[in-house]
């Protein structure tokens, strides 16, 4: 493959645009609950062939293959890192409901609709059903960050978006094996299943375990820079994927397994990752939206027919029917969130693309239909998120971290509230500046948990941190 300087420059420019724009509009998107997915799809349209003509990708391009592979690896890895074991343990029946009936029965229902309404062969219908049963963690995060969402709904939706990818991924991988020129033998199916369910996860677990133990050894004897630990975690994700792929196992299952091991063995490393590594991952995911938004995603509009619209209705609301029954024990407010908020976006598109990258030409038929469902989901669930944000803004108490202005801080002081002002500036900035806020307490940003524990901060007080 020849190096194309012009293509490299335009790709680099697109990455730069994503980072700059994402940073500049992050506050507006968060405050107004505007789905970032829709904004960056439109940004892709702007820089794509129908707009400025700066950037474009095709369904079989090497660039899209690399973007999709890295993005799905990061999605699975960060999903595993974000698992809250205690919350799952306290709500075990709820986790089982959203991952069992909520995911598997939804996939079966959507697959049946694809076979009946779209006349797809069973393997293709299974791939499409599994892909569209995956709820999107990026859009889901927009709701989970809002204060006022009931705790049971928060647990159910975070478990679903964090773990259902690893539930449906094996369906996609096994169904792909049935799309060759001839049906696979029992031995070939067994080999695929072994690589997906055993070898891939085992490789990932080994990489994760070795990485954490090595880090602990070096941290205890020499010490490590915290920002490099973030990069280290990303390295673990990519190493796990590559190690599994070299033995023809599932690199994606390995990435999830490695993330799970890291989460179970090293909480501090996971916190470190959320500071820098998660931001890096999210930027890359947004770049994936831009790449798909240049031209590929809009193929969904060309697929508009009565049959595809009927299928889209099943794909978007079949999950709601299943979960309405499966979560009957939930309180009505929590149940409303769980049943109706099931966005489909990047995860679904990446899962549909997998067989295409494996060289299965038949799988290209799935793309326009999946793109149509995602476009409708962004519009419907994005609008739902904005409407709920207005609702929550009126009645929700503050239960999470929020950004406040100086005037709001002074008003809070005037009410007589018990406030602890925390100085969390970077060490260099803190040491170079003689000025500190009156009565503030110093928290080391490199060791926040230890610093807070040493101060024994009361849980009932307001904690207000400043870094400039």
Protein backbone atom coordinates (compact mmCIF):
# COMPACT_ATOMS: atom_id res chain seq x y z
CA UNK A 1 0.00 0.00 0.00
CA UNK A 2 1.51 3.33 -1.07
CA UNK A 3 1.63 6.20 1.37
CA UNK A 4 -0.68 9.02 0.30
CA UNK A 5 0.45 12.31 1.92
CA UNK A 6 -2.76 14.12 0.98
CA UNK A 7 -4.96 11.40 2.50
CA UNK A 8 -2.83 11.40 5.63
CA UNK A 9 -3.14 15.19 6.01
CA UNK A 10 -6.93 15.16 5.57
CA UNK A 11 -7.29 12.28 8.04
CA UNK A 12 -5.13 14.10 10.57
CA UNK A 13 -7.17 17.26 9.98
CA UNK A 14 -10.40 15.33 10.62
CA UNK A 15 -9.01 13.97 13.90
CA UNK A 16 -7.96 17.47 14.92
CA UNK A 17 -11.39 18.88 14.07
CA UNK A 18 -13.09 16.23 16.20
CA UNK A 19 -10.89 16.94 19.23
CA UNK A 20 -11.24 20.73 18.97
CA UNK A 21 -14.98 20.73 18.31
CA UNK A 22 -15.70 18.10 20.97
CA UNK A 23 -13.86 20.17 23.56
CA UNK A 24 -15.44 23.51 22.62
CA UNK A 25 -19.04 22.27 22.58
CA UNK A 26 -18.81 19.73 25.42
CA UNK A 27 -20.32 22.13 27.95
CA UNK A 28 -23.24 23.05 25.70
CA UNK A 29 -23.99 19.43 24.86
CA UNK A 30 -23.89 18.42 28.52
CA UNK A 31 -26.04 21.31 29.74
CA UNK A 32 -28.69 20.93 27.03
CA UNK A 33 -28.52 17.12 26.89
CA UNK A 34 -27.96 17.28 23.13
CA UNK A 35 -26.79 13.82 21.96
CA UNK A 36 -23.17 14.09 20.85
CA UNK A 37 -23.79 11.22 18.41
CA UNK A 38 -26.14 13.32 16.27
CA UNK A 39 -23.87 16.37 16.37
CA UNK A 40 -20.84 14.44 15.15
CA UNK A 41 -22.78 12.60 12.47
CA UNK A 42 -23.73 16.04 11.15
CA UNK A 43 -20.09 17.13 11.45
CA UNK A 44 -19.17 14.12 9.30
CA UNK A 45 -21.74 15.22 6.73
CA UNK A 46 -20.17 18.68 6.74
CA UNK A 47 -16.63 17.43 6.03
CA UNK A 48 -17.81 14.61 3.73
CA UNK A 49 -18.48 14.53 -0.03
CA UNK A 50 -21.83 16.31 0.29
CA UNK A 51 -20.18 19.14 2.24
CA UNK A 52 -16.59 20.37 2.13
CA UNK A 53 -15.30 17.16 0.55
CA UNK A 54 -12.38 16.88 2.98
CA UNK A 55 -12.85 13.31 4.13
CA UNK A 56 -14.70 10.14 3.16
CA UNK A 57 -14.58 6.43 3.85
CA UNK A 58 -16.07 3.49 2.00
CA UNK A 59 -17.55 0.35 3.50
CA UNK A 60 -14.49 -1.73 2.67
CA UNK A 61 -11.79 0.91 3.21
CA UNK A 62 -8.76 0.05 5.33
CA UNK A 63 -9.26 3.29 7.27
CA UNK A 64 -12.77 2.31 8.32
CA UNK A 65 -11.56 -1.17 9.25
CA UNK A 66 -8.91 0.29 11.55
CA UNK A 67 -11.33 2.83 13.04
CA UNK A 68 -14.03 0.22 13.68
CA UNK A 69 -11.61 -2.31 15.17
CA UNK A 70 -9.99 0.15 17.57
CA UNK A 71 -13.33 1.71 18.49
CA UNK A 72 -15.02 -1.63 19.28
CA UNK A 73 -11.95 -2.78 21.22
CA UNK A 74 -12.14 0.38 23.33
CA UNK A 75 -15.91 0.11 23.76
CA UNK A 76 -15.64 -3.45 25.09
CA UNK A 77 -12.61 -2.70 27.25
CA UNK A 78 -14.09 0.44 28.83
CA UNK A 79 -17.42 -1.34 29.32
CA UNK A 80 -15.63 -3.96 31.40
CA UNK A 81 -13.72 -1.32 33.36
CA UNK A 82 -16.95 0.46 34.26
CA UNK A 83 -18.65 -2.55 35.84
CA UNK A 84 -19.88 -1.78 39.36
CA UNK A 85 -19.71 -5.12 41.16
CA UNK A 86 -21.44 -3.88 44.27
CA UNK A 87 -24.36 -2.40 42.34
CA UNK A 88 -24.78 -5.63 40.36
CA UNK A 89 -24.63 -7.70 43.54
CA UNK A 90 -27.33 -5.57 45.16
CA UNK A 91 -29.54 -5.75 42.06
CA UNK A 92 -28.72 -9.20 40.73
CA UNK A 93 -32.24 -9.96 39.48
CA UNK A 94 -32.32 -6.65 37.59
CA UNK A 95 -28.96 -7.28 35.92
CA UNK A 96 -30.20 -10.73 34.92
CA UNK A 97 -33.41 -9.25 33.51
CA UNK A 98 -31.69 -6.73 31.23
CA UNK A 99 -28.93 -9.10 30.07
CA UNK A 100 -31.08 -12.23 29.77
CA UNK A 101 -34.54 -11.46 28.40
CA UNK A 102 -33.71 -7.82 27.75
CA UNK A 103 -30.81 -8.64 25.43
CA UNK A 104 -31.23 -12.22 24.22
CA UNK A 105 -35.00 -12.16 23.67
CA UNK A 106 -34.71 -8.75 22.02
CA UNK A 107 -32.06 -10.16 19.67
CA UNK A 108 -34.30 -13.14 18.88
CA UNK A 109 -37.31 -10.90 18.24
CA UNK A 110 -35.36 -8.57 15.95
CA UNK A 111 -33.79 -11.53 14.12
CA UNK A 112 -37.23 -13.00 13.50
CA UNK A 113 -38.46 -9.67 12.13
CA UNK A 114 -35.41 -9.47 9.84
CA UNK A 115 -36.05 -12.99 8.52
CA UNK A 116 -39.77 -12.38 7.98
CA UNK A 117 -39.95 -8.73 6.88
CA UNK A 118 -36.63 -8.40 5.04
CA UNK A 119 -36.39 -11.98 3.71
CA UNK A 120 -32.86 -12.41 5.07
CA UNK A 121 -31.18 -15.80 5.48
CA UNK A 122 -31.07 -16.98 9.08
CA UNK A 123 -27.32 -16.22 9.66
CA UNK A 124 -27.70 -12.64 8.34
CA UNK A 125 -30.90 -12.16 10.33
CA UNK A 126 -29.11 -13.39 13.48
CA UNK A 127 -26.24 -10.93 12.94
CA UNK A 128 -28.62 -8.01 12.39
CA UNK A 129 -30.75 -8.98 15.39
CA UNK A 130 -27.75 -9.32 17.69
CA UNK A 131 -26.23 -6.03 16.52
CA UNK A 132 -29.43 -4.05 16.98
CA UNK A 133 -30.03 -5.55 20.43
CA UNK A 134 -26.90 -3.71 21.59
CA UNK A 135 -27.63 -0.41 23.35
CA UNK A 136 -25.12 2.38 22.86
CA UNK A 137 -22.88 3.31 25.82
CA UNK A 138 -22.07 6.79 24.46
CA UNK A 139 -25.72 7.88 24.23
CA UNK A 140 -26.58 6.02 27.42
CA UNK A 141 -23.87 7.96 29.23
CA UNK A 142 -25.72 11.17 28.42
CA UNK A 143 -28.65 10.00 30.56
CA UNK A 144 -26.64 8.32 33.30
CA UNK A 145 -24.69 11.53 33.97
CA UNK A 146 -27.90 13.44 34.74
CA UNK A 147 -28.86 13.88 38.38
CA UNK A 148 -32.35 12.75 39.30
CA UNK A 149 -32.36 9.44 37.42
CA UNK A 150 -33.68 6.81 39.88
CA UNK A 151 -30.96 4.54 41.26
CA UNK A 152 -32.51 1.24 40.01
CA UNK A 153 -32.84 2.69 36.49
CA UNK A 154 -29.24 3.89 36.62
CA UNK A 155 -28.04 0.41 37.58
CA UNK A 156 -30.13 -1.38 34.94
CA UNK A 157 -29.15 0.93 32.08
CA UNK A 158 -25.46 1.00 32.99
CA UNK A 159 -25.34 -2.81 33.24
CA UNK A 160 -27.18 -3.18 29.94
CA UNK A 161 -25.02 -0.73 27.98
CA UNK A 162 -21.86 -2.03 29.65
CA UNK A 163 -22.36 -5.76 29.27
CA UNK A 164 -24.80 -6.50 26.46
CA UNK A 165 -22.11 -6.07 23.79
CA UNK A 166 -20.27 -9.08 25.15
CA UNK A 167 -23.57 -11.01 25.18
CA UNK A 168 -24.38 -10.37 21.50
CA UNK A 169 -20.83 -10.39 20.12
CA UNK A 170 -20.54 -14.23 20.20
CA UNK A 171 -23.80 -14.46 18.22
CA UNK A 172 -22.31 -12.25 15.51
CA UNK A 173 -19.04 -14.19 15.40
CA UNK A 174 -20.65 -17.63 15.31
CA UNK A 175 -23.32 -16.61 12.76
CA UNK A 176 -20.56 -15.22 10.51
CA UNK A 177 -19.05 -18.70 10.32
CA UNK A 178 -22.24 -19.87 8.56
CA UNK A 179 -21.94 -17.28 5.77
CA UNK A 180 -19.21 -18.95 3.74
CA UNK A 181 -19.68 -20.64 0.36
CA UNK A 182 -20.55 -23.87 2.17
CA UNK A 183 -21.90 -24.76 5.58
CA UNK A 184 -19.17 -25.28 8.19
CA UNK A 185 -18.59 -28.72 9.62
CA UNK A 186 -19.31 -29.52 13.25
CA UNK A 187 -15.57 -29.35 13.94
CA UNK A 188 -15.27 -25.88 12.42
CA UNK A 189 -18.25 -24.61 14.45
CA UNK A 190 -16.71 -26.10 17.59
CA UNK A 191 -13.39 -24.43 16.81
CA UNK A 192 -15.06 -21.04 16.35
CA UNK A 193 -16.99 -21.46 19.59
CA UNK A 194 -13.81 -22.50 21.42
CA UNK A 195 -11.92 -19.42 20.18
CA UNK A 196 -14.81 -17.07 21.01
CA UNK A 197 -15.84 -18.40 24.41
CA UNK A 198 -12.59 -19.82 25.82
CA UNK A 199 -9.32 -18.97 24.06
CA UNK A 200 -10.07 -15.26 23.49
CA UNK A 201 -11.25 -14.55 27.07
CA UNK A 202 -8.38 -16.64 28.49
CA UNK A 203 -5.78 -14.69 26.50
CA UNK A 204 -7.33 -11.41 27.62
CA UNK A 205 -7.43 -12.49 31.26
CA UNK A 206 -3.76 -13.54 31.10
CA UNK A 207 -2.72 -10.22 29.56
CA UNK A 208 -4.77 -8.26 32.09
CA UNK A 209 -3.41 -10.24 35.04
CA UNK A 210 0.20 -9.95 33.87
CA UNK A 211 -0.18 -6.23 33.19
CA UNK A 212 -1.63 -5.46 36.63
CA UNK A 213 0.94 -7.57 38.49
CA UNK A 214 3.81 -5.97 36.52
CA UNK A 215 2.46 -2.53 37.27
CA UNK A 216 2.13 -3.31 40.98
CA UNK A 217 5.70 -4.57 41.07
CA UNK A 218 7.12 -1.46 39.37
CA UNK A 219 4.87 0.88 41.35
CA UNK A 220 6.01 -0.59 44.67
CA UNK A 221 9.74 -0.51 43.89
CA UNK A 222 10.34 2.50 41.65
CA UNK A 223 7.09 4.44 41.34
CA UNK A 224 5.21 5.45 38.21
CA UNK A 225 3.82 8.64 36.79
CA UNK A 226 0.03 8.64 37.07
CA UNK A 227 -0.55 9.99 33.57
CA UNK A 228 1.50 7.14 32.13
CA UNK A 229 -0.68 4.65 33.97
CA UNK A 230 -3.59 5.90 31.85
CA UNK A 231 -1.65 5.19 28.68
CA UNK A 232 -0.67 1.84 30.15
CA UNK A 233 -4.30 0.82 30.41
CA UNK A 234 -4.89 1.62 26.73
CA UNK A 235 -1.82 -0.45 25.93
CA UNK A 236 -3.32 -3.37 27.84
CA UNK A 237 -6.51 -3.18 25.75
CA UNK A 238 -4.65 -3.22 22.45
CA UNK A 239 -2.17 -5.87 23.59
CA UNK A 240 -5.00 -8.18 24.66
CA UNK A 241 -6.72 -7.78 21.28
CA UNK A 242 -3.50 -8.42 19.33
CA UNK A 243 -2.45 -11.41 21.44
CA UNK A 244 -5.76 -13.16 20.88
CA UNK A 245 -5.82 -12.42 17.16
CA UNK A 246 -2.35 -13.91 16.69
CA UNK A 247 -3.72 -17.31 17.77
CA UNK A 248 -6.89 -16.82 15.67
CA UNK A 249 -9.08 -16.25 18.73
CA UNK A 250 -11.46 -13.33 19.30
CA UNK A 251 -9.51 -10.17 20.05
CA UNK A 252 -12.72 -8.39 21.05
CA UNK A 253 -13.60 -10.98 23.69
CA UNK A 254 -9.99 -10.75 24.88
CA UNK A 255 -10.24 -6.95 25.23
CA UNK A 256 -13.37 -7.29 27.36
CA UNK A 257 -11.79 -10.00 29.50
CA UNK A 258 -8.64 -7.93 30.04
CA UNK A 259 -10.70 -4.92 31.09
CA UNK A 260 -12.68 -7.07 33.49
CA UNK A 261 -9.51 -8.41 35.13
CA UNK A 262 -8.05 -4.90 35.46
CA UNK A 263 -11.29 -3.68 37.05
CA UNK A 264 -11.32 -6.55 39.54
CA UNK A 265 -7.66 -6.33 40.53
CA UNK A 266 -6.69 -2.65 40.46
CA UNK A 267 -9.30 -0.04 41.37
CA UNK A 268 -6.73 2.77 41.42
CA UNK A 269 -5.71 2.01 37.86
CA UNK A 270 -9.36 2.16 36.76
CA UNK A 271 -9.80 5.57 38.43
CA UNK A 272 -6.68 6.77 36.67
CA UNK A 273 -8.02 5.52 33.35
CA UNK A 274 -11.25 7.50 33.81
CA UNK A 275 -9.25 10.72 34.14
CA UNK A 276 -7.39 10.49 30.85
CA UNK A 277 -7.88 7.17 29.14
CA UNK A 278 -11.68 7.37 29.04
CA UNK A 279 -11.49 10.86 27.52
CA UNK A 280 -9.11 9.50 24.87
CA UNK A 281 -11.49 6.63 24.15
CA UNK A 282 -14.49 8.93 23.86
CA UNK A 283 -12.66 11.22 21.42
CA UNK A 284 -11.87 8.21 19.25
CA UNK A 285 -15.48 7.06 19.36
CA UNK A 286 -16.61 10.53 18.29
CA UNK A 287 -14.15 10.36 15.41
CA UNK A 288 -15.81 7.08 14.42
CA UNK A 289 -19.15 8.91 14.26
CA UNK A 290 -17.61 11.57 12.04
CA UNK A 291 -16.11 8.93 9.72
CA UNK A 292 -19.43 7.08 9.41
CA UNK A 293 -21.28 10.37 9.00
CA UNK A 294 -19.34 11.45 5.91
CA UNK A 295 -21.50 9.30 3.64
CA UNK A 296 -22.02 5.73 4.92
CA UNK A 297 -24.66 6.36 7.58
CA UNK A 298 -26.91 8.25 5.18
CA UNK A 299 -27.36 5.10 3.12
CA UNK A 300 -30.05 4.37 5.68
CA UNK A 301 -32.26 7.06 4.16
CA UNK A 302 -32.07 5.29 0.80
CA UNK A 303 -33.34 2.10 2.44
CA UNK A 304 -36.72 3.63 3.37
CA UNK A 305 -39.49 1.23 2.37
CA UNK A 306 -42.62 0.03 4.19
CA UNK A 307 -40.83 -3.22 5.04
CA UNK A 308 -37.71 -1.54 6.46
CA UNK A 309 -39.83 0.94 8.45
CA UNK A 310 -41.83 -1.94 9.94
CA UNK A 311 -38.57 -3.71 10.78
CA UNK A 312 -37.15 -0.53 12.33
CA UNK A 313 -40.23 -0.26 14.56
CA UNK A 314 -39.62 -3.81 15.83
CA UNK A 315 -35.90 -3.14 16.29
CA UNK A 316 -36.49 0.05 18.28
CA UNK A 317 -39.50 -0.94 20.37
CA UNK A 318 -39.31 -4.74 20.59
CA UNK A 319 -36.86 -4.32 23.46
CA UNK A 320 -39.39 -2.12 25.26
CA UNK A 321 -42.03 -4.86 25.06
CA UNK A 322 -39.62 -7.47 26.41
CA UNK A 323 -38.34 -5.30 29.26
CA UNK A 324 -41.80 -4.13 30.23
CA UNK A 325 -42.52 -7.73 31.19
CA UNK A 326 -39.05 -8.57 32.54
CA UNK A 327 -38.86 -5.55 34.87
CA UNK A 328 -42.38 -5.76 36.32
CA UNK A 329 -40.92 -5.64 39.86
CA UNK A 330 -39.41 -2.18 39.33
CA UNK A 331 -41.05 0.97 40.63
CA UNK A 332 -42.97 2.86 37.87
CA UNK A 333 -40.51 5.76 37.57
CA UNK A 334 -37.43 3.53 37.20
CA UNK A 335 -39.30 1.20 34.87
CA UNK A 336 -40.15 4.08 32.54
CA UNK A 337 -36.47 4.87 32.00
CA UNK A 338 -35.42 1.24 31.58
CA UNK A 339 -38.21 0.32 29.18
CA UNK A 340 -38.14 3.33 26.89
CA UNK A 341 -34.50 4.42 26.73
CA UNK A 342 -32.62 1.94 24.55
CA UNK A 343 -30.54 3.93 22.01
CA UNK A 344 -28.76 2.20 19.14
CA UNK A 345 -25.69 3.85 17.64
CA UNK A 346 -22.01 3.04 17.26
CA UNK A 347 -21.99 -0.40 18.90
CA UNK A 348 -24.69 -1.68 16.55
CA UNK A 349 -22.93 -0.32 13.48
CA UNK A 350 -19.57 -1.77 14.49
CA UNK A 351 -21.08 -5.21 15.09
CA UNK A 352 -22.75 -5.15 11.65
CA UNK A 353 -19.42 -4.18 10.08
CA UNK A 354 -17.50 -7.13 11.56
CA UNK A 355 -18.51 -9.75 8.96
CA UNK A 356 -17.83 -7.18 6.21
CA UNK A 357 -14.25 -6.85 7.45
CA UNK A 358 -14.01 -10.65 7.56
CA UNK A 359 -14.61 -10.57 3.81
CA UNK A 360 -18.25 -11.71 3.81
CA UNK A 361 -19.77 -9.83 0.86
CA UNK A 362 -23.32 -10.89 1.76
CA UNK A 363 -23.11 -8.94 5.01
CA UNK A 364 -23.04 -5.62 3.12
CA UNK A 365 -26.82 -6.04 2.71
CA UNK A 366 -27.23 -5.38 6.41
CA UNK A 367 -25.59 -1.97 6.44
CA UNK A 368 -28.38 0.26 5.00
CA UNK A 369 -31.00 -1.28 7.30
CA UNK A 370 -28.79 -0.95 10.37
CA UNK A 371 -27.97 2.64 9.39
CA UNK A 372 -31.68 3.46 9.09
CA UNK A 373 -32.41 2.06 12.57
CA UNK A 374 -29.51 4.04 14.05
CA UNK A 375 -30.61 7.30 12.42
CA UNK A 376 -34.14 6.82 13.75
CA UNK A 377 -32.78 5.93 17.19
CA UNK A 378 -30.60 9.03 17.34
CA UNK A 379 -33.63 11.17 16.50
CA UNK A 380 -36.11 9.39 18.81
CA UNK A 381 -33.91 8.60 21.81
CA UNK A 382 -31.96 11.85 21.46
CA UNK A 383 -35.21 13.80 21.57
CA UNK A 384 -36.33 11.71 24.53
CA UNK A 385 -33.09 12.53 26.37
CA UNK A 386 -33.56 16.26 25.84
CA UNK A 387 -37.19 16.09 27.03
CA UNK A 388 -36.23 14.16 30.16
CA UNK A 389 -33.44 16.65 30.84
CA UNK A 390 -35.98 19.46 31.02
CA UNK A 391 -38.05 17.32 33.38
CA UNK A 392 -35.11 16.50 35.60
CA UNK A 393 -33.95 20.09 35.63
CA UNK A 394 -37.22 21.13 37.29
CA UNK A 395 -37.64 18.47 39.95
CA UNK A 396 -34.34 16.67 40.45
CA UNK A 397 -32.19 17.22 43.49
CA UNK A 398 -28.45 17.59 43.01
CA UNK A 399 -27.02 14.12 43.62
CA UNK A 400 -23.95 14.19 41.40
CA UNK A 401 -21.05 16.48 40.56
CA UNK A 402 -22.07 19.74 38.89
CA UNK A 403 -20.30 22.88 37.69
CA UNK A 404 -21.18 26.01 39.66
CA UNK A 405 -20.20 29.66 39.17
CA UNK A 406 -18.71 32.06 41.74
CA UNK A 407 -22.07 33.80 42.24
CA UNK A 408 -23.78 30.47 42.88
CA UNK A 409 -21.07 29.56 45.37
CA UNK A 410 -21.59 32.84 47.24
CA UNK A 411 -25.35 32.28 47.32
CA UNK A 412 -24.76 28.82 48.74
CA UNK A 413 -22.49 30.29 51.44
CA UNK A 414 -25.23 32.80 52.27
CA UNK A 415 -27.69 30.01 53.01
CA UNK A 416 -25.48 28.80 55.87
CA UNK A 417 -24.76 25.45 54.19
CA UNK A 418 -21.78 23.50 55.50
CA UNK A 419 -19.17 23.76 52.75
CA UNK A 420 -15.69 22.32 52.35
CA UNK A 421 -13.68 24.14 49.69
CA UNK A 422 -11.10 21.86 48.07
CA UNK A 423 -7.98 23.04 46.21
CA UNK A 424 -7.37 20.38 43.53
CA UNK A 425 -4.96 22.30 41.30
CA UNK A 426 -2.15 20.39 39.62
CA UNK A 427 0.92 20.10 41.84
CA UNK A 428 3.03 22.43 39.72
CA UNK A 429 0.37 25.14 39.61
CA UNK A 430 -0.20 24.84 43.36
CA UNK A 431 3.49 25.12 44.23
CA UNK A 432 4.10 28.09 41.89
CA UNK A 433 1.17 30.14 43.21
CA UNK A 434 1.25 31.82 46.64
CA UNK A 435 -2.51 32.52 46.55
CA UNK A 436 -5.04 30.06 47.92
CA UNK A 437 -8.74 30.39 48.66
CA UNK A 438 -9.50 31.26 52.27
CA UNK A 439 -10.27 28.17 54.29
CA UNK A 440 -9.57 25.76 51.44
CA UNK A 441 -8.23 22.26 51.98
CA UNK A 442 -5.53 20.82 49.76
CA UNK A 443 -6.32 17.63 47.81
CA UNK A 444 -3.49 16.08 45.83
CA UNK A 445 -4.99 15.42 42.34
CA UNK A 446 -2.54 12.56 41.82
CA UNK A 447 -3.72 10.84 45.01
CA UNK A 448 -7.30 12.09 45.55
CA UNK A 449 -8.60 9.06 47.46
CA UNK A 450 -5.71 9.03 49.93
CA UNK A 451 -5.84 12.83 50.41
CA UNK A 452 -9.59 12.83 51.02
CA UNK A 453 -9.31 9.91 53.44
CA UNK A 454 -6.57 11.69 55.41
CA UNK A 455 -8.80 14.76 55.80
CA UNK A 456 -11.78 12.64 56.94
CA UNK A 457 -14.21 14.83 55.00
CA UNK A 458 -17.78 14.65 56.38
CA UNK A 459 -20.19 12.97 53.99
CA UNK A 460 -22.98 15.43 54.85
CA UNK A 461 -21.05 18.57 53.80
CA UNK A 462 -20.96 20.19 50.39
CA UNK A 463 -17.61 19.48 48.68
CA UNK A 464 -16.69 22.21 46.21
CA UNK A 465 -13.42 21.80 44.31
CA UNK A 466 -11.54 24.39 42.28
CA UNK A 467 -8.56 23.94 39.99
CA UNK A 468 -7.77 27.46 38.71
